[in-house]
PDB file of N, CA and C in Angstrom:
ATOM      1  N   MET A   1     159.542 101.273 217.581  1.00  0.00           N
ATOM      2  CA  MET A   1     160.351 100.411 217.137  1.00  0.00           C
ATOM      3  C   MET A   1     160.920 100.395 215.849  1.00  0.00           C
ATOM      4  N   LEU A   2     160.153 100.465 215.023  1.00  0.00           N
ATOM      5  CA  LEU A   2     160.618 100.608 213.313  1.00  0.00           C
ATOM      6  C   LEU A   2     161.012 101.859 213.242  1.00  0.00           C
ATOM      7  N   LYS A   3     160.850 102.858 214.046  1.00  0.00           N
ATOM      8  CA  LYS A   3     161.726 104.324 214.192  1.00  0.00           C
ATOM      9  C   LYS A   3     163.025 103.749 214.257  1.00  0.00           C
ATOM     10  N   ASN A   4     163.474 103.155 215.421  1.00  0.00           N
ATOM     11  CA  ASN A   4     164.572 102.612 215.658  1.00  0.00           C
ATOM     12  C   ASN A   4     165.378 101.842 214.503  1.00  0.00           C
ATOM     13  N   ILE A   5     164.905 100.817 214.024  1.00  0.00           N
ATOM     14  CA  ILE A   5     165.502  99.958 212.602  1.00  0.00           C
ATOM     15  C   ILE A   5     165.702 101.348 211.813  1.00  0.00           C
ATOM     16  N   GLN A   6     165.032 102.273 211.274  1.00  0.00           N
ATOM     17  CA  GLN A   6     164.918 103.032 209.990  1.00  0.00           C
ATOM     18  C   GLN A   6     166.771 103.916 210.582  1.00  0.00           C
ATOM     19  N   ARG A   7     166.902 103.990 211.694  1.00  0.00           N
ATOM     20  CA  ARG A   7     168.053 104.976 212.030  1.00  0.00           C
ATOM     21  C   ARG A   7     169.509 103.804 212.143  1.00  0.00           C
ATOM     22  N   GLN A   8     169.104 102.865 212.753  1.00  0.00           N
ATOM     23  CA  GLN A   8     170.166 101.732 213.049  1.00  0.00           C
ATOM     24  C   GLN A   8     170.471 100.918 211.575  1.00  0.00           C
ATOM     25  N   PHE A   9     169.468 100.824 210.982  1.00  0.00           N
ATOM     26  CA  PHE A   9     169.653  99.887 210.044  1.00  0.00           C
ATOM     27  C   PHE A   9     168.577 100.279 208.635  1.00  0.00           C
ATOM     28  N   PRO A  10     169.501 101.484 208.060  1.00  0.00           N
ATOM     29  CA  PRO A  10     169.033 102.411 206.757  1.00  0.00           C
ATOM     30  C   PRO A  10     168.998 101.161 205.451  1.00  0.00           C
ATOM     31  N   GLN A  11     169.613 100.149 205.550  1.00  0.00           N
ATOM     32  CA  GLN A  11     170.099  99.495 204.375  1.00  0.00           C
ATOM     33  C   GLN A  11     168.808  98.453 204.260  1.00  0.00           C
ATOM     34  N   ILE A  12     168.134  98.124 205.201  1.00  0.00           N
ATOM     35  CA  ILE A  12     167.205  97.376 205.429  1.00  0.00           C
ATOM     36  C   ILE A  12     165.726  97.612 204.912  1.00  0.00           C
ATOM     37  N   ASP A  13     164.776  97.071 203.883  1.00  0.00           N
ATOM     38  CA  ASP A  13     163.952  97.761 203.375  1.00  0.00           C
ATOM     39  C   ASP A  13     162.557  97.304 203.336  1.00  0.00           C
ATOM     40  N   TYR A  14     162.938  96.042 203.517  1.00  0.00           N
ATOM     41  CA  TYR A  14     161.691  94.858 204.028  1.00  0.00           C
ATOM     42  C   TYR A  14     161.691  94.089 205.176  1.00  0.00           C
ATOM     43  N   ILE A  15     160.650  94.259 205.678  1.00  0.00           N
ATOM     44  CA  ILE A  15     160.474  93.865 207.133  1.00  0.00           C
ATOM     45  C   ILE A  15     159.419  92.616 207.372  1.00  0.00           C
ATOM     46  N   GLN A  16     159.382  91.319 207.713  1.00  0.00           N
ATOM     47  CA  GLN A  16     158.149  90.515 207.826  1.00  0.00           C
ATOM     48  C   GLN A  16     157.858  90.376 209.088  1.00  0.00           C
ATOM     49  N   ALA A  17     156.272  91.037 209.390  1.00  0.00           N
ATOM     50  CA  ALA A  17     156.059  90.782 210.913  1.00  0.00           C
ATOM     51  C   ALA A  17     155.110  89.511 210.728  1.00  0.00           C
ATOM     52  N   ARG A  18     155.383  88.396 211.184  1.00  0.00           N
ATOM     53  CA  ARG A  18     154.523  87.235 210.948  1.00  0.00           C
ATOM     54  C   ARG A  18     154.061  87.004 212.420  1.00  0.00           C
ATOM     55  N   ARG A  19     152.594  86.703 212.393  1.00  0.00           N
ATOM     56  CA  ARG A  19     151.749  86.146 213.381  1.00  0.00           C
ATOM     57  C   ARG A  19     152.270  84.763 213.381  1.00  0.00           C
ATOM     58  N   ILE A  20     151.909  84.095 214.735  1.00  0.00           N
ATOM     59  CA  ILE A  20     152.211  82.694 215.086  1.00  0.00           C
ATOM     60  C   ILE A  20     151.278  82.099 214.282  1.00  0.00           C
ATOM     61  N   SER A  21     151.715  81.440 213.373  1.00  0.00           N
ATOM     62  CA  SER A  21     150.567  79.924 212.583  1.00  0.00           C
ATOM     63  C   SER A  21     150.927  78.772 213.229  1.00  0.00           C
ATOM     64  N   THR A  22     150.471  78.084 213.986  1.00  0.00           N
ATOM     65  CA  THR A  22     150.403  76.436 214.271  1.00  0.00           C
ATOM     66  C   THR A  22     149.559  75.543 213.830  1.00  0.00           C
ATOM     67  N   ASP A  23     149.629  74.492 213.885  1.00  0.00           N
ATOM     68  CA  ASP A  23     148.762  73.591 213.837  1.00  0.00           C
ATOM     69  C   ASP A  23     149.027  72.367 214.794  1.00  0.00           C
ATOM     70  N   THR A  24     149.217  72.875 215.950  1.00  0.00           N
ATOM     71  CA  THR A  24     149.419  71.980 217.211  1.00  0.00           C
ATOM     72  C   THR A  24     148.994  72.691 218.504  1.00  0.00           C
ATOM     73  N   ARG A  25     149.326  73.746 218.554  1.00  0.00           N
ATOM     74  CA  ARG A  25     149.017  74.633 219.717  1.00  0.00           C
ATOM     75  C   ARG A  25     148.094  75.902 219.786  1.00  0.00           C
ATOM     76  N   TYR A  26     146.921  75.807 218.884  1.00  0.00           N
ATOM     77  CA  TYR A  26     146.571  77.175 218.771  1.00  0.00           C
ATOM     78  C   TYR A  26     145.831  77.591 219.905  1.00  0.00           C
ATOM     79  N   ASP A  27     145.287  76.796 221.152  1.00  0.00           N
ATOM     80  CA  ASP A  27     144.399  77.367 222.248  1.00  0.00           C
ATOM     81  C   ASP A  27     145.635  77.924 223.151  1.00  0.00           C
ATOM     82  N   PHE A  28     147.258  77.207 223.237  1.00  0.00           N
ATOM     83  CA  PHE A  28     148.226  77.883 223.927  1.00  0.00           C
ATOM     84  C   PHE A  28     148.450  79.181 223.263  1.00  0.00           C
ATOM     85  N   LEU A  29     148.373  79.446 222.113  1.00  0.00           N
ATOM     86  CA  LEU A  29     148.856  80.597 221.333  1.00  0.00           C
ATOM     87  C   LEU A  29     147.737  81.550 220.897  1.00  0.00           C
ATOM     88  N   LYS A  30     146.638  81.492 221.314  1.00  0.00           N
ATOM     89  CA  LYS A  30     145.673  82.356 221.197  1.00  0.00           C
ATOM     90  C   LYS A  30     145.665  83.777 221.432  1.00  0.00           C
ATOM     91  N   GLU A  31     146.115  83.867 222.860  1.00  0.00           N
ATOM     92  CA  GLU A  31     146.491  85.231 223.142  1.00  0.00           C
ATOM     93  C   GLU A  31     147.393  85.819 222.425  1.00  0.00           C
ATOM     94  N   ASP A  32     148.481  85.321 222.006  1.00  0.00           N
ATOM     95  CA  ASP A  32     149.722  86.046 220.989  1.00  0.00           C
ATOM     96  C   ASP A  32     149.070  86.204 219.949  1.00  0.00           C
ATOM     97  N   ILE A  33     148.322  85.378 218.906  1.00  0.00           N
ATOM     98  CA  ILE A  33     147.753  85.617 217.593  1.00  0.00           C
ATOM     99  C   ILE A  33     146.682  86.881 217.724  1.00  0.00           C
ATOM    100  N   GLU A  34     145.715  87.003 218.742  1.00  0.00           N
ATOM    101  CA  GLU A  34     144.745  88.138 219.481  1.00  0.00           C
ATOM    102  C   GLU A  34     145.636  89.441 219.589  1.00  0.00           C
ATOM    103  N   ILE A  35     146.725  89.152 220.122  1.00  0.00           N
ATOM    104  CA  ILE A  35     147.650  90.648 220.159  1.00  0.00           C
ATOM    105  C   ILE A  35     148.180  91.144 218.643  1.00  0.00           C
ATOM    106  N   TYR A  36     148.613  90.198 217.946  1.00  0.00           N
ATOM    107  CA  TYR A  36     149.250  90.220 216.586  1.00  0.00           C
ATOM    108  C   TYR A  36     147.805  91.106 215.959  1.00  0.00           C
ATOM    109  N   GLU A  37     146.745  90.297 215.860  1.00  0.00           N
ATOM    110  CA  GLU A  37     146.031  91.119 215.012  1.00  0.00           C
ATOM    111  C   GLU A  37     145.425  92.413 215.360  1.00  0.00           C
ATOM    112  N   GLN A  38     145.330  92.954 216.812  1.00  0.00           N
ATOM    113  CA  GLN A  38     144.936  94.178 217.498  1.00  0.00           C
ATOM    114  C   GLN A  38     146.058  95.180 216.820  1.00  0.00           C
ATOM    115  N   LYS A  39     147.305  94.771 217.173  1.00  0.00           N
ATOM    116  CA  LYS A  39     148.647  95.659 216.480  1.00  0.00           C
ATOM    117  C   LYS A  39     148.250  95.826 215.140  1.00  0.00           C
ATOM    118  N   TYR A  40     148.083  94.717 214.168  1.00  0.00           N
ATOM    119  CA  TYR A  40     147.806  95.204 212.721  1.00  0.00           C
ATOM    120  C   TYR A  40     146.823  95.953 212.425  1.00  0.00           C
ATOM    121  N   LYS A  41     145.731  95.750 213.131  1.00  0.00           N
ATOM    122  CA  LYS A  41     144.648  96.797 213.090  1.00  0.00           C
ATOM    123  C   LYS A  41     144.907  98.379 213.404  1.00  0.00           C
ATOM    124  N   GLU A  42     145.467  98.458 214.506  1.00  0.00           N
ATOM    125  CA  GLU A  42     146.176  99.727 214.481  1.00  0.00           C
ATOM    126  C   GLU A  42     146.902 100.257 213.320  1.00  0.00           C
ATOM    127  N   VAL A  43     148.004  99.620 213.006  1.00  0.00           N
ATOM    128  CA  VAL A  43     148.945  99.811 212.024  1.00  0.00           C
ATOM    129  C   VAL A  43     148.060 100.084 210.716  1.00  0.00           C
ATOM    130  N   SER A  44     147.075  99.172 210.270  1.00  0.00           N
ATOM    131  CA  SER A  44     146.347  99.274 209.226  1.00  0.00           C
ATOM    132  C   SER A  44     145.726 100.845 208.789  1.00  0.00           C
ATOM    133  N   GLN A  45     145.122 101.368 210.323  1.00  0.00           N
ATOM    134  CA  GLN A  45     144.471 102.676 210.387  1.00  0.00           C
ATOM    135  C   GLN A  45     145.404 103.747 210.444  1.00  0.00           C
ATOM    136  N   THR A  46     146.576 103.463 210.485  1.00  0.00           N
ATOM    137  CA  THR A  46     147.757 104.629 210.597  1.00  0.00           C
ATOM    138  C   THR A  46     148.190 104.854 209.138  1.00  0.00           C
ATOM    139  N   PHE A  47     149.144 103.659 208.469  1.00  0.00           N
ATOM    140  CA  PHE A  47     149.897 103.858 207.645  1.00  0.00           C
ATOM    141  C   PHE A  47     149.031 103.231 206.164  1.00  0.00           C
ATOM    142  N   GLU A  48     149.961 103.356 205.057  1.00  0.00           N
ATOM    143  CA  GLU A  48     149.199 103.044 203.930  1.00  0.00           C
ATOM    144  C   GLU A  48     149.646 101.673 203.582  1.00  0.00           C
ATOM    145  N   THR A  49     148.786 101.009 203.140  1.00  0.00           N
ATOM    146  CA  THR A  49     148.589  99.498 202.601  1.00  0.00           C
ATOM    147  C   THR A  49     149.080  99.388 201.060  1.00  0.00           C
ATOM    148  N   VAL A  50     150.175  99.281 200.769  1.00  0.00           N
ATOM    149  CA  VAL A  50     150.811  99.421 199.329  1.00  0.00           C
ATOM    150  C   VAL A  50     151.000  98.448 198.049  1.00  0.00           C
ATOM    151  N   GLY A  51     150.373  97.123 198.849  1.00  0.00           N
ATOM    152  CA  GLY A  51     150.245  96.070 198.214  1.00  0.00           C
ATOM    153  C   GLY A  51     150.052  94.579 198.875  1.00  0.00           C
ATOM    154  N   ASN A  52     150.495  93.542 198.009  1.00  0.00           N
ATOM    155  CA  ASN A  52     150.393  92.236 199.051  1.00  0.00           C
ATOM    156  C   ASN A  52     151.355  91.529 198.702  1.00  0.00           C
ATOM    157  N   PHE A  53     151.938  90.392 199.318  1.00  0.00           N
ATOM    158  CA  PHE A  53     152.911  89.806 199.193  1.00  0.00           C
ATOM    159  C   PHE A  53     152.375  87.821 199.465  1.00  0.00           C
ATOM    160  N   TYR A  54     151.857  87.176 198.191  1.00  0.00           N
ATOM    161  CA  TYR A  54     151.007  85.724 198.583  1.00  0.00           C
ATOM    162  C   TYR A  54     150.020  86.196 199.339  1.00  0.00           C
ATOM    163  N   GLY A  55     149.416  87.080 199.179  1.00  0.00           N
ATOM    164  CA  GLY A  55     148.021  87.314 200.044  1.00  0.00           C
ATOM    165  C   GLY A  55     148.244  88.111 201.419  1.00  0.00           C
ATOM    166  N   ALA A  56     149.355  88.373 201.632  1.00  0.00           N
ATOM    167  CA  ALA A  56     149.464  89.031 203.325  1.00  0.00           C
ATOM    168  C   ALA A  56     149.845  90.532 202.682  1.00  0.00           C
ATOM    169  N   GLN A  57     149.522  91.563 203.652  1.00  0.00           N
ATOM    170  CA  GLN A  57     149.409  92.890 203.472  1.00  0.00           C
ATOM    171  C   GLN A  57     150.581  93.417 203.490  1.00  0.00           C
ATOM    172  N   LEU A  58     151.480  94.417 202.208  1.00  0.00           N
ATOM    173  CA  LEU A  58     152.465  95.228 202.832  1.00  0.00           C
ATOM    174  C   LEU A  58     151.692  96.618 202.982  1.00  0.00           C
ATOM    175  N   ILE A  59     152.636  97.163 203.859  1.00  0.00           N
ATOM    176  CA  ILE A  59     152.075  98.659 204.632  1.00  0.00           C
ATOM    177  C   ILE A  59     153.408  99.375 204.833  1.00  0.00           C
ATOM    178  N   ASN A  60     153.629 100.131 203.893  1.00  0.00           N
ATOM    179  CA  ASN A  60     154.460 101.229 204.109  1.00  0.00           C
ATOM    180  C   ASN A  60     154.629 102.122 205.524  1.00  0.00           C
ATOM    181  N   MET A  61     155.782 101.789 206.297  1.00  0.00           N
ATOM    182  CA  MET A  61     155.806 102.180 207.780  1.00  0.00           C
ATOM    183  C   MET A  61     157.365 102.729 207.746  1.00  0.00           C
ATOM    184  N   PHE A  62     157.665 104.018 207.943  1.00  0.00           N
ATOM    185  CA  PHE A  62     158.744 104.851 208.259  1.00  0.00           C
ATOM    186  C   PHE A  62     159.809 104.333 207.277  1.00  0.00           C
ATOM    187  N   ARG A  63     159.303 104.556 205.984  1.00  0.00           N
ATOM    188  CA  ARG A  63     160.238 104.385 204.750  1.00  0.00           C
ATOM    189  C   ARG A  63     160.254 102.745 204.774  1.00  0.00           C
ATOM    190  N   LYS A  64     159.637 101.798 205.207  1.00  0.00           N
ATOM    191  CA  LYS A  64     160.249 100.432 205.120  1.00  0.00           C
ATOM    192  C   LYS A  64     158.810  99.803 204.954  1.00  0.00           C
ATOM    193  N   SER A  65     158.735  98.584 204.163  1.00  0.00           N
ATOM    194  CA  SER A  65     157.912  98.016 203.157  1.00  0.00           C
ATOM    195  C   SER A  65     157.540  96.635 204.433  1.00  0.00           C
ATOM    196  N   VAL A  66     156.672  96.805 205.109  1.00  0.00           N
ATOM    197  CA  VAL A  66     156.452  95.673 206.074  1.00  0.00           C
ATOM    198  C   VAL A  66     155.224  94.685 206.024  1.00  0.00           C
ATOM    199  N   CYS A  67     155.827  93.356 205.895  1.00  0.00           N
ATOM    200  CA  CYS A  67     154.877  92.422 205.621  1.00  0.00           C
ATOM    201  C   CYS A  67     154.028  91.979 206.685  1.00  0.00           C
ATOM    202  N   TRP A  68     152.565  91.859 206.695  1.00  0.00           N
ATOM    203  CA  TRP A  68     152.054  91.585 207.819  1.00  0.00           C
ATOM    204  C   TRP A  68     151.461  90.280 207.595  1.00  0.00           C
ATOM    205  N   TRP A  69     152.286  89.103 207.798  1.00  0.00           N
ATOM    206  CA  TRP A  69     152.436  87.900 207.302  1.00  0.00           C
ATOM    207  C   TRP A  69     151.475  86.759 208.273  1.00  0.00           C
ATOM    208  N   ARG A  70     150.004  86.700 208.018  1.00  0.00           N
ATOM    209  CA  ARG A  70     149.234  85.741 208.942  1.00  0.00           C
ATOM    210  C   ARG A  70     148.900  84.456 207.938  1.00  0.00           C
ATOM    211  N   THR A  71     149.322  84.522 207.177  1.00  0.00           N
ATOM    212  CA  THR A  71     149.119  83.095 206.082  1.00  0.00           C
ATOM    213  C   THR A  71     149.357  81.865 206.648  1.00  0.00           C
ATOM    214  N   VAL A  72     148.261  81.063 206.548  1.00  0.00           N
ATOM    215  CA  VAL A  72     148.605  79.544 207.049  1.00  0.00           C
ATOM    216  C   VAL A  72     149.045  78.748 206.361  1.00  0.00           C
ATOM    217  N   GLY A  73     148.865  78.928 205.127  1.00  0.00           N
ATOM    218  CA  GLY A  73     149.228  77.980 203.946  1.00  0.00           C
ATOM    219  C   GLY A  73     149.977  79.034 202.527  1.00  0.00           C
ATOM    220  N   THR A  74     150.827  78.544 201.991  1.00  0.00           N
ATOM    221  CA  THR A  74     151.621  79.481 201.058  1.00  0.00           C
ATOM    222  C   THR A  74     152.245  78.408 200.150  1.00  0.00           C
ATOM    223  N   SER A  75     152.511  78.767 198.959  1.00  0.00           N
ATOM    224  CA  SER A  75     153.408  78.132 197.942  1.00  0.00           C
ATOM    225  C   SER A  75     155.048  78.816 198.275  1.00  0.00           C
ATOM    226  N   ALA A  76     155.078  79.946 199.043  1.00  0.00           N
ATOM    227  CA  ALA A  76     156.337  80.651 199.085  1.00  0.00           C
ATOM    228  C   ALA A  76     157.331  79.398 199.812  1.00  0.00           C
ATOM    229  N   ASN A  77     158.600  79.315 199.545  1.00  0.00           N
ATOM    230  CA  ASN A  77     159.465  78.715 200.769  1.00  0.00           C
ATOM    231  C   ASN A  77     160.038  79.665 201.253  1.00  0.00           C
ATOM    232  N   SER A  78     160.689  79.530 202.538  1.00  0.00           N
ATOM    233  CA  SER A  78     161.199  80.155 203.317  1.00  0.00           C
ATOM    234  C   SER A  78     162.443  79.434 204.171  1.00  0.00           C
ATOM    235  N   LEU A  79     163.221  80.383 204.769  1.00  0.00           N
ATOM    236  CA  LEU A  79     164.433  80.007 205.944  1.00  0.00           C
ATOM    237  C   LEU A  79     164.145  80.941 207.020  1.00  0.00           C
ATOM    238  N   ASN A  80     163.546  80.251 208.016  1.00  0.00           N
ATOM    239  CA  ASN A  80     163.279  81.036 209.088  1.00  0.00           C
ATOM    240  C   ASN A  80     164.392  81.380 210.118  1.00  0.00           C
ATOM    241  N   TYR A  81     164.699  82.293 210.228  1.00  0.00           N
ATOM    242  CA  TYR A  81     165.699  82.672 211.169  1.00  0.00           C
ATOM    243  C   TYR A  81     165.297  83.226 212.809  1.00  0.00           C
ATOM    244  N   PHE A  82     165.837  82.628 213.565  1.00  0.00           N
ATOM    245  CA  PHE A  82     165.364  82.570 215.271  1.00  0.00           C
ATOM    246  C   PHE A  82     166.578  83.570 215.778  1.00  0.00           C
ATOM    247  N   THR A  83     165.992  84.551 216.641  1.00  0.00           N
ATOM    248  CA  THR A  83     167.082  85.258 217.394  1.00  0.00           C
ATOM    249  C   THR A  83     167.964  84.377 218.244  1.00  0.00           C
ATOM    250  N   ASP A  84     167.980  83.285 218.401  1.00  0.00           N
ATOM    251  CA  ASP A  84     169.115  82.595 218.987  1.00  0.00           C
ATOM    252  C   ASP A  84     170.125  81.600 218.140  1.00  0.00           C
ATOM    253  N   GLY A  85     169.865  82.379 216.729  1.00  0.00           N
ATOM    254  CA  GLY A  85     170.442  81.470 215.655  1.00  0.00           C
ATOM    255  C   GLY A  85     170.139  80.403 214.965  1.00  0.00           C
ATOM    256  N   ILE A  86     169.124  80.052 215.216  1.00  0.00           N
ATOM    257  CA  ILE A  86     168.402  78.535 214.814  1.00  0.00           C
ATOM    258  C   ILE A  86     167.750  79.035 212.999  1.00  0.00           C
ATOM    259  N   ILE A  87     168.256  78.319 212.253  1.00  0.00           N
ATOM    260  CA  ILE A  87     167.754  78.335 210.879  1.00  0.00           C
ATOM    261  C   ILE A  87     166.785  77.193 210.912  1.00  0.00           C
ATOM    262  N   SER A  88     165.452  77.103 210.335  1.00  0.00           N
ATOM    263  CA  SER A  88     164.618  76.594 209.901  1.00  0.00           C
ATOM    264  C   SER A  88     164.085  76.493 208.568  1.00  0.00           C
ATOM    265  N   ASP A  89     163.392  75.439 207.818  1.00  0.00           N
ATOM    266  CA  ASP A  89     162.737  75.731 206.620  1.00  0.00           C
ATOM    267  C   ASP A  89     161.238  75.142 207.041  1.00  0.00           C
ATOM    268  N   ASN A  90     160.980  74.634 208.214  1.00  0.00           N
ATOM    269  CA  ASN A  90     159.746  74.542 208.643  1.00  0.00           C
ATOM    270  C   ASN A  90     158.812  75.590 208.422  1.00  0.00           C
ATOM    271  N   TYR A  91     157.692  75.351 207.644  1.00  0.00           N
ATOM    272  CA  TYR A  91     156.634  76.389 207.491  1.00  0.00           C
ATOM    273  C   TYR A  91     155.898  77.300 208.906  1.00  0.00           C
ATOM    274  N   PHE A  92     155.755  76.051 209.557  1.00  0.00           N
ATOM    275  CA  PHE A  92     155.052  76.585 211.158  1.00  0.00           C
ATOM    276  C   PHE A  92     156.151  76.819 211.697  1.00  0.00           C
ATOM    277  N   VAL A  93     156.373  78.201 212.107  1.00  0.00           N
ATOM    278  CA  VAL A  93     157.629  78.880 212.848  1.00  0.00           C
ATOM    279  C   VAL A  93     157.630  78.087 213.984  1.00  0.00           C
ATOM    280  N   VAL A  94     156.501  77.732 214.789  1.00  0.00           N
ATOM    281  CA  VAL A  94     156.817  77.226 216.235  1.00  0.00           C
ATOM    282  C   VAL A  94     157.264  75.685 216.181  1.00  0.00           C
ATOM    283  N   GLU A  95     156.846  75.027 215.233  1.00  0.00           N
ATOM    284  CA  GLU A  95     157.221  73.646 215.096  1.00  0.00           C
ATOM    285  C   GLU A  95     158.614  73.396 214.697  1.00  0.00           C
ATOM    286  N   GLY A  96     158.749  74.346 213.901  1.00  0.00           N
ATOM    287  CA  GLY A  96     160.328  74.597 213.222  1.00  0.00           C
ATOM    288  C   GLY A  96     161.245  74.817 214.424  1.00  0.00           C
ATOM    289  N   TYR A  97     160.859  75.695 215.202  1.00  0.00           N
ATOM    290  CA  TYR A  97     161.620  76.031 216.339  1.00  0.00           C
ATOM    291  C   TYR A  97     161.903  74.766 217.669  1.00  0.00           C
ATOM    292  N   LEU A  98     160.510  74.161 217.458  1.00  0.00           N
ATOM    293  CA  LEU A  98     160.265  73.029 218.570  1.00  0.00           C
ATOM    294  C   LEU A  98     161.111  71.660 217.683  1.00  0.00           C
ATOM    295  N   ASN A  99     161.179  71.660 216.654  1.00  0.00           N
ATOM    296  CA  ASN A  99     161.687  70.293 215.875  1.00  0.00           C
ATOM    297  C   ASN A  99     163.543  70.596 216.043  1.00  0.00           C
ATOM    298  N   ASN A 100     164.028  71.916 215.795  1.00  0.00           N
ATOM    299  CA  ASN A 100     165.174  72.034 216.002  1.00  0.00           C
ATOM    300  C   ASN A 100     165.908  71.877 217.410  1.00  0.00           C
ATOM    301  N   TYR A 101     165.139  72.133 218.306  1.00  0.00           N
ATOM    302  CA  TYR A 101     165.344  71.589 219.806  1.00  0.00           C
ATOM    303  C   TYR A 101     165.479  70.290 220.149  1.00  0.00           C
ATOM    304  N   ARG A 102     164.534  69.691 219.451  1.00  0.00           N
ATOM    305  CA  ARG A 102     164.217  68.335 219.533  1.00  0.00           C
ATOM    306  C   ARG A 102     165.389  67.405 218.850  1.00  0.00           C
ATOM    307  N   ASP A 103     166.050  68.104 217.908  1.00  0.00           N
ATOM    308  CA  ASP A 103     167.115  67.563 217.141  1.00  0.00           C
ATOM    309  C   ASP A 103     168.580  67.547 217.982  1.00  0.00           C
ATOM    310  N   LYS A 104     168.471  68.438 218.942  1.00  0.00           N
ATOM    311  CA  LYS A 104     169.853  68.811 219.407  1.00  0.00           C
ATOM    312  C   LYS A 104     170.105  67.795 220.883  1.00  0.00           C
TER     313      LYS A 104
END
């Protein structure tokens, strides 16, 4: 997947791979969290860790800086963009997504 991003979007140099962090549905999302952690383990054994961002590992993958974000609490502020066009400032991505659908 990242190899395709390198070819299709050469101007992108930072990607954040976010693990689902939730304060309300951990049991429901446990399998997704475990899959993320397994993928991170594979990546960290293959590619070089080059730093961190608010405690999350930055790994150089195919000339892209990929942040493996699993942090549950942070002082960083962000706007989260979802593939269906929703933008939310909720820290917990799942809740931000759900809250935007509740508002419609």
